PDB file of N, CA and C in Angstrom:
ATOM      1  N   MET A   1      67.869  27.770  -6.245  1.00  0.00           N
ATOM      2  CA  MET A   1      68.986  28.130  -7.080  1.00  0.00           C
ATOM      3  C   MET A   1      70.091  27.102  -6.885  1.00  0.00           C
ATOM      4  N   CYS A   2      70.692  26.672  -7.969  1.00  0.00           N
ATOM      5  CA  CYS A   2      71.826  25.758  -7.924  1.00  0.00           C
ATOM      6  C   CYS A   2      73.106  26.572  -8.009  1.00  0.00           C
ATOM      7  N   LEU A   3      74.122  26.112  -7.305  1.00  0.00           N
ATOM      8  CA  LEU A   3      75.367  26.853  -7.245  1.00  0.00           C
ATOM      9  C   LEU A   3      76.536  25.886  -7.284  1.00  0.00           C
ATOM     10  N   ALA A   4      77.500  26.153  -8.141  1.00  0.00           N
ATOM     11  CA  ALA A   4      78.757  25.405  -8.160  1.00  0.00           C
ATOM     12  C   ALA A   4      79.811  26.307  -7.538  1.00  0.00           C
ATOM     13  N   VAL A   5      80.607  25.746  -6.644  1.00  0.00           N
ATOM     14  CA  VAL A   5      81.564  26.523  -5.867  1.00  0.00           C
ATOM     15  C   VAL A   5      82.990  26.127  -6.241  1.00  0.00           C
ATOM     16  N   PRO A   6      83.879  27.107  -6.432  1.00  0.00           N
ATOM     17  CA  PRO A   6      85.272  26.791  -6.757  1.00  0.00           C
ATOM     18  C   PRO A   6      85.980  26.113  -5.583  1.00  0.00           C
ATOM     19  N   ALA A   7      86.828  25.165  -5.915  1.00  0.00           N
ATOM     20  CA  ALA A   7      87.643  24.481  -4.913  1.00  0.00           C
ATOM     21  C   ALA A   7      88.965  24.080  -5.558  1.00  0.00           C
ATOM     22  N   ARG A   8      90.004  23.974  -4.720  1.00  0.00           N
ATOM     23  CA  ARG A   8      91.312  23.534  -5.212  1.00  0.00           C
ATOM     24  C   ARG A   8      91.535  22.105  -4.737  1.00  0.00           C
ATOM     25  N   ILE A   9      91.941  21.246  -5.653  1.00  0.00           N
ATOM     26  CA  ILE A   9      92.193  19.848  -5.309  1.00  0.00           C
ATOM     27  C   ILE A   9      93.503  19.739  -4.535  1.00  0.00           C
ATOM     28  N   LEU A  10      93.429  19.084  -3.380  1.00  0.00           N
ATOM     29  CA  LEU A  10      94.613  18.860  -2.556  1.00  0.00           C
ATOM     30  C   LEU A  10      95.242  17.507  -2.841  1.00  0.00           C
ATOM     31  N   GLU A  11      94.396  16.497  -2.981  1.00  0.00           N
ATOM     32  CA  GLU A  11      94.896  15.149  -3.275  1.00  0.00           C
ATOM     33  C   GLU A  11      93.808  14.341  -3.955  1.00  0.00           C
ATOM     34  N   CYS A  12      94.238  13.322  -4.680  1.00  0.00           N
ATOM     35  CA  CYS A  12      93.302  12.449  -5.401  1.00  0.00           C
ATOM     36  C   CYS A  12      93.526  11.004  -4.996  1.00  0.00           C
ATOM     37  N   GLN A  13      92.448  10.252  -4.975  1.00  0.00           N
ATOM     38  CA  GLN A  13      92.507   8.812  -4.749  1.00  0.00           C
ATOM     39  C   GLN A  13      91.402   8.193  -5.593  1.00  0.00           C
ATOM     40  N   ASP A  14      91.815   7.478  -6.614  1.00  0.00           N
ATOM     41  CA  ASP A  14      90.873   6.904  -7.574  1.00  0.00           C
ATOM     42  C   ASP A  14      89.981   8.016  -8.145  1.00  0.00           C
ATOM     43  N   ASP A  15      88.663   7.874  -8.028  1.00  0.00           N
ATOM     44  CA  ASP A  15      87.748   8.883  -8.572  1.00  0.00           C
ATOM     45  C   ASP A  15      87.371   9.966  -7.563  1.00  0.00           C
ATOM     46  N   ASP A  16      87.970   9.919  -6.387  1.00  0.00           N
ATOM     47  CA  ASP A  16      87.672  10.909  -5.351  1.00  0.00           C
ATOM     48  C   ASP A  16      88.794  11.927  -5.230  1.00  0.00           C
ATOM     49  N   ALA A  17      88.461  13.071  -4.661  1.00  0.00           N
ATOM     50  CA  ALA A  17      89.463  14.106  -4.404  1.00  0.00           C
ATOM     51  C   ALA A  17      89.147  14.791  -3.085  1.00  0.00           C
ATOM     52  N   LEU A  18      90.199  15.172  -2.387  1.00  0.00           N
ATOM     53  CA  LEU A  18      90.067  16.030  -1.221  1.00  0.00           C
ATOM     54  C   LEU A  18      90.277  17.444  -1.728  1.00  0.00           C
ATOM     55  N   VAL A  19      89.292  18.317  -1.509  1.00  0.00           N
ATOM     56  CA  VAL A  19      89.381  19.684  -2.019  1.00  0.00           C
ATOM     57  C   VAL A  19      89.353  20.685  -0.872  1.00  0.00           C
ATOM     58  N   ASP A  20      89.857  21.872  -1.179  1.00  0.00           N
ATOM     59  CA  ASP A  20      89.844  22.982  -0.238  1.00  0.00           C
ATOM     60  C   ASP A  20      88.915  24.062  -0.774  1.00  0.00           C
ATOM     61  N   MET A  21      87.933  24.428   0.052  1.00  0.00           N
ATOM     62  CA  MET A  21      87.011  25.525  -0.280  1.00  0.00           C
ATOM     63  C   MET A  21      87.204  26.610   0.764  1.00  0.00           C
ATOM     64  N   GLN A  22      88.096  27.537   0.479  1.00  0.00           N
ATOM     65  CA  GLN A  22      88.332  28.661   1.383  1.00  0.00           C
ATOM     66  C   GLN A  22      88.618  28.198   2.811  1.00  0.00           C
ATOM     67  N   GLY A  23      89.480  27.181   2.952  1.00  0.00           N
ATOM     68  CA  GLY A  23      89.860  26.692   4.268  1.00  0.00           C
ATOM     69  C   GLY A  23      89.047  25.514   4.763  1.00  0.00           C
ATOM     70  N   ASN A  24      87.981  25.169   4.092  1.00  0.00           N
ATOM     71  CA  ASN A  24      87.168  24.003   4.439  1.00  0.00           C
ATOM     72  C   ASN A  24      87.519  22.871   3.490  1.00  0.00           C
ATOM     73  N   ARG A  25      87.712  21.699   4.056  1.00  0.00           N
ATOM     74  CA  ARG A  25      88.072  20.537   3.234  1.00  0.00           C
ATOM     75  C   ARG A  25      86.925  19.540   3.189  1.00  0.00           C
ATOM     76  N   LEU A  26      86.744  18.954   2.005  1.00  0.00           N
ATOM     77  CA  LEU A  26      85.765  17.889   1.881  1.00  0.00           C
ATOM     78  C   LEU A  26      86.134  16.977   0.725  1.00  0.00           C
ATOM     79  N   ARG A  27      85.593  15.778   0.781  1.00  0.00           N
ATOM     80  CA  ARG A  27      85.832  14.803  -0.281  1.00  0.00           C
ATOM     81  C   ARG A  27      84.715  14.916  -1.304  1.00  0.00           C
ATOM     82  N   VAL A  28      85.132  14.897  -2.568  1.00  0.00           N
ATOM     83  CA  VAL A  28      84.177  14.991  -3.672  1.00  0.00           C
ATOM     84  C   VAL A  28      84.533  13.952  -4.725  1.00  0.00           C
ATOM     85  N   CYS A  29      83.602  13.698  -5.602  1.00  0.00           N
ATOM     86  CA  CYS A  29      83.818  12.765  -6.704  1.00  0.00           C
ATOM     87  C   CYS A  29      84.335  13.536  -7.913  1.00  0.00           C
ATOM     88  N   ARG A  30      85.393  13.029  -8.549  1.00  0.00           N
ATOM     89  CA  ARG A  30      85.933  13.710  -9.728  1.00  0.00           C
ATOM     90  C   ARG A  30      85.777  12.873 -10.994  1.00  0.00           C
ATOM     91  N   VAL A  31      84.808  11.977 -11.004  1.00  0.00           N
ATOM     92  CA  VAL A  31      84.580  11.119 -12.160  1.00  0.00           C
ATOM     93  C   VAL A  31      84.262  11.933 -13.420  1.00  0.00           C
ATOM     94  N   LEU A  32      83.677  13.113 -13.260  1.00  0.00           N
ATOM     95  CA  LEU A  32      83.359  13.962 -14.415  1.00  0.00           C
ATOM     96  C   LEU A  32      84.552  14.788 -14.886  1.00  0.00           C
ATOM     97  N   THR A  33      85.594  14.858 -14.057  1.00  0.00           N
ATOM     98  CA  THR A  33      86.801  15.627 -14.400  1.00  0.00           C
ATOM     99  C   THR A  33      88.047  14.802 -14.071  1.00  0.00           C
ATOM    100  N   PRO A  34      88.209  13.646 -14.706  1.00  0.00           N
ATOM    101  CA  PRO A  34      89.332  12.767 -14.354  1.00  0.00           C
ATOM    102  C   PRO A  34      90.698  13.391 -14.623  1.00  0.00           C
ATOM    103  N   GLU A  35      90.750  14.400 -15.491  1.00  0.00           N
ATOM    104  CA  GLU A  35      92.019  15.057 -15.801  1.00  0.00           C
ATOM    105  C   GLU A  35      92.486  15.985 -14.685  1.00  0.00           C
ATOM    106  N   ALA A  36      91.607  16.334 -13.773  1.00  0.00           N
ATOM    107  CA  ALA A  36      91.942  17.269 -12.696  1.00  0.00           C
ATOM    108  C   ALA A  36      92.714  16.551 -11.593  1.00  0.00           C
ATOM    109  N   GLY A  37      93.901  17.056 -11.307  1.00  0.00           N
ATOM    110  CA  GLY A  37      94.744  16.471 -10.274  1.00  0.00           C
ATOM    111  C   GLY A  37      95.072  17.487  -9.199  1.00  0.00           C
ATOM    112  N   PRO A  38      95.947  17.111  -8.270  1.00  0.00           N
ATOM    113  CA  PRO A  38      96.333  18.019  -7.194  1.00  0.00           C
ATOM    114  C   PRO A  38      96.802  19.375  -7.729  1.00  0.00           C
ATOM    115  N   GLY A  39      96.292  20.425  -7.105  1.00  0.00           N
ATOM    116  CA  GLY A  39      96.624  21.782  -7.519  1.00  0.00           C
ATOM    117  C   GLY A  39      95.632  22.385  -8.494  1.00  0.00           C
ATOM    118  N   ALA A  40      94.820  21.550  -9.129  1.00  0.00           N
ATOM    119  CA  ALA A  40      93.834  22.045 -10.103  1.00  0.00           C
ATOM    120  C   ALA A  40      92.664  22.700  -9.377  1.00  0.00           C
ATOM    121  N   TRP A  41      92.067  23.667 -10.039  1.00  0.00           N
ATOM    122  CA  TRP A  41      90.852  24.313  -9.553  1.00  0.00           C
ATOM    123  C   TRP A  41      89.660  23.713 -10.287  1.00  0.00           C
ATOM    124  N   VAL A  42      88.609  23.411  -9.528  1.00  0.00           N
ATOM    125  CA  VAL A  42      87.408  22.809 -10.101  1.00  0.00           C
ATOM    126  C   VAL A  42      86.172  23.512  -9.551  1.00  0.00           C
ATOM    127  N   LEU A  43      85.065  23.345 -10.257  1.00  0.00           N
ATOM    128  CA  LEU A  43      83.770  23.773  -9.739  1.00  0.00           C
ATOM    129  C   LEU A  43      83.103  22.547  -9.130  1.00  0.00           C
ATOM    130  N   VAL A  44      82.619  22.674  -7.896  1.00  0.00           N
ATOM    131  CA  VAL A  44      81.990  21.561  -7.187  1.00  0.00           C
ATOM    132  C   VAL A  44      80.505  21.858  -7.021  1.00  0.00           C
ATOM    133  N   HIS A  45      79.700  20.882  -7.420  1.00  0.00           N
ATOM    134  CA  HIS A  45      78.246  20.976  -7.262  1.00  0.00           C
ATOM    135  C   HIS A  45      77.724  19.618  -6.822  1.00  0.00           C
ATOM    136  N   ALA A  46      76.971  19.591  -5.745  1.00  0.00           N
ATOM    137  CA  ALA A  46      76.336  18.368  -5.247  1.00  0.00           C
ATOM    138  C   ALA A  46      77.339  17.236  -5.044  1.00  0.00           C
ATOM    139  N   GLY A  47      78.548  17.584  -4.579  1.00  0.00           N
ATOM    140  CA  GLY A  47      79.552  16.572  -4.284  1.00  0.00           C
ATOM    141  C   GLY A  47      80.351  16.091  -5.473  1.00  0.00           C
ATOM    142  N   PHE A  48      80.180  16.721  -6.633  1.00  0.00           N
ATOM    143  CA  PHE A  48      80.906  16.335  -7.843  1.00  0.00           C
ATOM    144  C   PHE A  48      81.708  17.515  -8.380  1.00  0.00           C
ATOM    145  N   CYS A  49      82.921  17.236  -8.836  1.00  0.00           N
ATOM    146  CA  CYS A  49      83.678  18.217  -9.619  1.00  0.00           C
ATOM    147  C   CYS A  49      83.046  18.192 -11.004  1.00  0.00           C
ATOM    148  N   ILE A  50      82.502  19.322 -11.431  1.00  0.00           N
ATOM    149  CA  ILE A  50      81.781  19.319 -12.709  1.00  0.00           C
ATOM    150  C   ILE A  50      82.554  19.994 -13.828  1.00  0.00           C
ATOM    151  N   ALA A  51      83.619  20.742 -13.491  1.00  0.00           N
ATOM    152  CA  ALA A  51      84.420  21.418 -14.518  1.00  0.00           C
ATOM    153  C   ALA A  51      85.739  21.862 -13.912  1.00  0.00           C
ATOM    154  N   THR A  52      86.755  21.949 -14.738  1.00  0.00           N
ATOM    155  CA  THR A  52      88.013  22.549 -14.301  1.00  0.00           C
ATOM    156  C   THR A  52      87.999  24.018 -14.718  1.00  0.00           C
ATOM    157  N   ILE A  53      88.592  24.857 -13.884  1.00  0.00           N
ATOM    158  CA  ILE A  53      88.681  26.289 -14.169  1.00  0.00           C
ATOM    159  C   ILE A  53      90.080  26.765 -13.802  1.00  0.00           C
ATOM    160  N   ASP A  54      90.456  27.947 -14.290  1.00  0.00           N
ATOM    161  CA  ASP A  54      91.774  28.454 -13.912  1.00  0.00           C
ATOM    162  C   ASP A  54      91.677  29.208 -12.582  1.00  0.00           C
ATOM    163  N   GLU A  55      92.842  29.427 -11.975  1.00  0.00           N
ATOM    164  CA  GLU A  55      92.886  30.045 -10.649  1.00  0.00           C
ATOM    165  C   GLU A  55      92.256  31.435 -10.642  1.00  0.00           C
ATOM    166  N   SER A  56      92.506  32.198 -11.672  1.00  0.00           N
ATOM    167  CA  SER A  56      91.951  33.551 -11.750  1.00  0.00           C
ATOM    168  C   SER A  56      90.426  33.524 -11.700  1.00  0.00           C
ATOM    169  N   GLU A  57      89.830  32.636 -12.469  1.00  0.00           N
ATOM    170  CA  GLU A  57      88.369  32.509 -12.474  1.00  0.00           C
ATOM    171  C   GLU A  57      87.859  32.063 -11.106  1.00  0.00           C
ATOM    172  N   ALA A  58      88.578  31.122 -10.474  1.00  0.00           N
ATOM    173  CA  ALA A  58      88.169  30.631  -9.157  1.00  0.00           C
ATOM    174  C   ALA A  58      88.176  31.753  -8.124  1.00  0.00           C
ATOM    175  N   LEU A  59      89.253  32.524  -8.087  1.00  0.00           N
ATOM    176  CA  LEU A  59      89.360  33.591  -7.095  1.00  0.00           C
ATOM    177  C   LEU A  59      88.367  34.718  -7.364  1.00  0.00           C
ATOM    178  N   THR A  60      88.150  35.026  -8.633  1.00  0.00           N
ATOM    179  CA  THR A  60      87.153  36.038  -8.988  1.00  0.00           C
ATOM    180  C   THR A  60      85.761  35.585  -8.559  1.00  0.00           C
ATOM    181  N   THR A  61      85.462  34.310  -8.759  1.00  0.00           N
ATOM    182  CA  THR A  61      84.161  33.768  -8.348  1.00  0.00           C
ATOM    183  C   THR A  61      83.991  33.845  -6.839  1.00  0.00           C
ATOM    184  N   TRP A  62      85.041  33.485  -6.070  1.00  0.00           N
ATOM    185  CA  TRP A  62      84.958  33.578  -4.610  1.00  0.00           C
ATOM    186  C   TRP A  62      84.731  35.012  -4.166  1.00  0.00           C
ATOM    187  N   ASP A  63      85.428  35.964  -4.796  1.00  0.00           N
ATOM    188  CA  ASP A  63      85.219  37.376  -4.453  1.00  0.00           C
ATOM    189  C   ASP A  63      83.765  37.777  -4.692  1.00  0.00           C
ATOM    190  N   TYR A  64      83.230  37.367  -5.824  1.00  0.00           N
ATOM    191  CA  TYR A  64      81.836  37.681  -6.145  1.00  0.00           C
ATOM    192  C   TYR A  64      80.882  37.054  -5.118  1.00  0.00           C
ATOM    193  N   LEU A  65      81.114  35.790  -4.785  1.00  0.00           N
ATOM    194  CA  LEU A  65      80.245  35.110  -3.821  1.00  0.00           C
ATOM    195  C   LEU A  65      80.289  35.794  -2.462  1.00  0.00           C
ATOM    196  N   LYS A  66      81.483  36.179  -2.023  1.00  0.00           N
ATOM    197  CA  LYS A  66      81.612  36.858  -0.726  1.00  0.00           C
ATOM    198  C   LYS A  66      80.904  38.210  -0.737  1.00  0.00           C
ATOM    199  N   GLN A  67      81.051  38.951  -1.820  1.00  0.00           N
ATOM    200  CA  GLN A  67      80.395  40.258  -1.919  1.00  0.00           C
ATOM    201  C   GLN A  67      78.877  40.108  -1.979  1.00  0.00           C
ATOM    202  N   SER A  68      78.421  39.101  -2.691  1.00  0.00           N
ATOM    203  CA  SER A  68      76.987  38.927  -2.899  1.00  0.00           C
ATOM    204  C   SER A  68      76.273  38.304  -1.713  1.00  0.00           C
ATOM    205  N   TYR A  69      76.921  37.339  -1.064  1.00  0.00           N
ATOM    206  CA  TYR A  69      76.233  36.563  -0.040  1.00  0.00           C
ATOM    207  C   TYR A  69      76.826  36.696   1.351  1.00  0.00           C
ATOM    208  N   GLY A  70      78.087  37.095   1.455  1.00  0.00           N
ATOM    209  CA  GLY A  70      78.730  37.301   2.751  1.00  0.00           C
ATOM    210  C   GLY A  70      78.493  36.158   3.708  1.00  0.00           C
ATOM    211  N   PRO A  71      78.016  36.467   4.933  1.00  0.00           N
ATOM    212  CA  PRO A  71      77.807  35.444   5.961  1.00  0.00           C
ATOM    213  C   PRO A  71      76.797  34.369   5.556  1.00  0.00           C
ATOM    214  N   GLU A  72      75.855  34.730   4.708  1.00  0.00           N
ATOM    215  CA  GLU A  72      74.849  33.756   4.282  1.00  0.00           C
ATOM    216  C   GLU A  72      75.488  32.587   3.540  1.00  0.00           C
ATOM    217  N   LEU A  73      76.569  32.855   2.807  1.00  0.00           N
ATOM    218  CA  LEU A  73      77.252  31.792   2.073  1.00  0.00           C
ATOM    219  C   LEU A  73      77.833  30.773   3.040  1.00  0.00           C
ATOM    220  N   ALA A  74      78.470  31.234   4.097  1.00  0.00           N
ATOM    221  CA  ALA A  74      79.048  30.325   5.086  1.00  0.00           C
ATOM    222  C   ALA A  74      77.965  29.464   5.729  1.00  0.00           C
ATOM    223  N   GLU A  75      76.819  30.070   6.045  1.00  0.00           N
ATOM    224  CA  GLU A  75      75.721  29.316   6.645  1.00  0.00           C
ATOM    225  C   GLU A  75      75.177  28.264   5.687  1.00  0.00           C
ATOM    226  N   THR A  76      75.149  28.584   4.405  1.00  0.00           N
ATOM    227  CA  THR A  76      74.649  27.656   3.398  1.00  0.00           C
ATOM    228  C   THR A  76      75.577  26.465   3.251  1.00  0.00           C
ATOM    229  N   LEU A  77      76.884  26.705   3.270  1.00  0.00           N
ATOM    230  CA  LEU A  77      77.851  25.632   3.071  1.00  0.00           C
ATOM    231  C   LEU A  77      78.109  24.827   4.330  1.00  0.00           C
ATOM    232  N   GLU A  78      77.910  25.408   5.497  1.00  0.00           N
ATOM    233  CA  GLU A  78      78.280  24.774   6.745  1.00  0.00           C
ATOM    234  C   GLU A  78      77.732  23.363   6.933  1.00  0.00           C
ATOM    235  N   PRO A  79      76.453  23.084   6.671  1.00  0.00           N
ATOM    236  CA  PRO A  79      75.971  21.712   6.859  1.00  0.00           C
ATOM    237  C   PRO A  79      76.732  20.699   6.006  1.00  0.00           C
ATOM    238  N   GLN A  80      77.081  21.051   4.775  1.00  0.00           N
ATOM    239  CA  GLN A  80      77.833  20.149   3.913  1.00  0.00           C
ATOM    240  C   GLN A  80      79.256  19.997   4.420  1.00  0.00           C
ATOM    241  N   LEU A  81      79.874  21.108   4.792  1.00  0.00           N
ATOM    242  CA  LEU A  81      81.267  21.080   5.200  1.00  0.00           C
ATOM    243  C   LEU A  81      81.439  20.434   6.559  1.00  0.00           C
ATOM    244  N   GLY A  82      80.415  20.500   7.390  1.00  0.00           N
ATOM    245  CA  GLY A  82      80.505  19.904   8.713  1.00  0.00           C
ATOM    246  C   GLY A  82      80.649  18.394   8.676  1.00  0.00           C
ATOM    247  N   THR A  83      80.230  17.752   7.600  1.00  0.00           N
ATOM    248  CA  THR A  83      80.346  16.301   7.492  1.00  0.00           C
ATOM    249  C   THR A  83      81.571  15.889   6.695  1.00  0.00           C
ATOM    250  N   ALA A  84      82.383  16.853   6.307  1.00  0.00           N
ATOM    251  CA  ALA A  84      83.535  16.573   5.453  1.00  0.00           C
ATOM    252  C   ALA A  84      84.663  15.934   6.234  1.00  0.00           C
ATOM    253  N   ASP A  85      85.467  15.210   5.512  1.00  0.00           N
ATOM    254  CA  ASP A  85      86.684  14.633   6.060  1.00  0.00           C
ATOM    255  C   ASP A  85      87.695  15.756   6.213  1.00  0.00           C
ATOM    256  N   SER A  86      88.185  15.998   7.400  1.00  0.00           N
ATOM    257  CA  SER A  86      89.111  17.113   7.621  1.00  0.00           C
ATOM    258  C   SER A  86      90.539  16.642   7.795  1.00  0.00           C
ATOM    259  N   SER A  87      90.872  15.474   7.275  1.00  0.00           N
ATOM    260  CA  SER A  87      92.237  14.962   7.412  1.00  0.00           C
ATOM    261  C   SER A  87      93.184  15.650   6.465  1.00  0.00           C
TER     262      SER A  87
END
């Protein structure tokens, strides 16, 4: 199953962005969403921002993911987030 996860952009540098996923930070490519800047909510899949979404949709999606997957979601994301830039 493929999954895109909501994240909020903290900062941008060229085509990259530092995003926050529920307290975890990682760098992603925003070449597919160049209009998305700091403060914007995006869907992240395979290291790419693939769409911009509004905050309400992002938070609703996180609630759904937590209810559906709980601890399993954290375990799934951990390997990716463990290599993220935490600056």
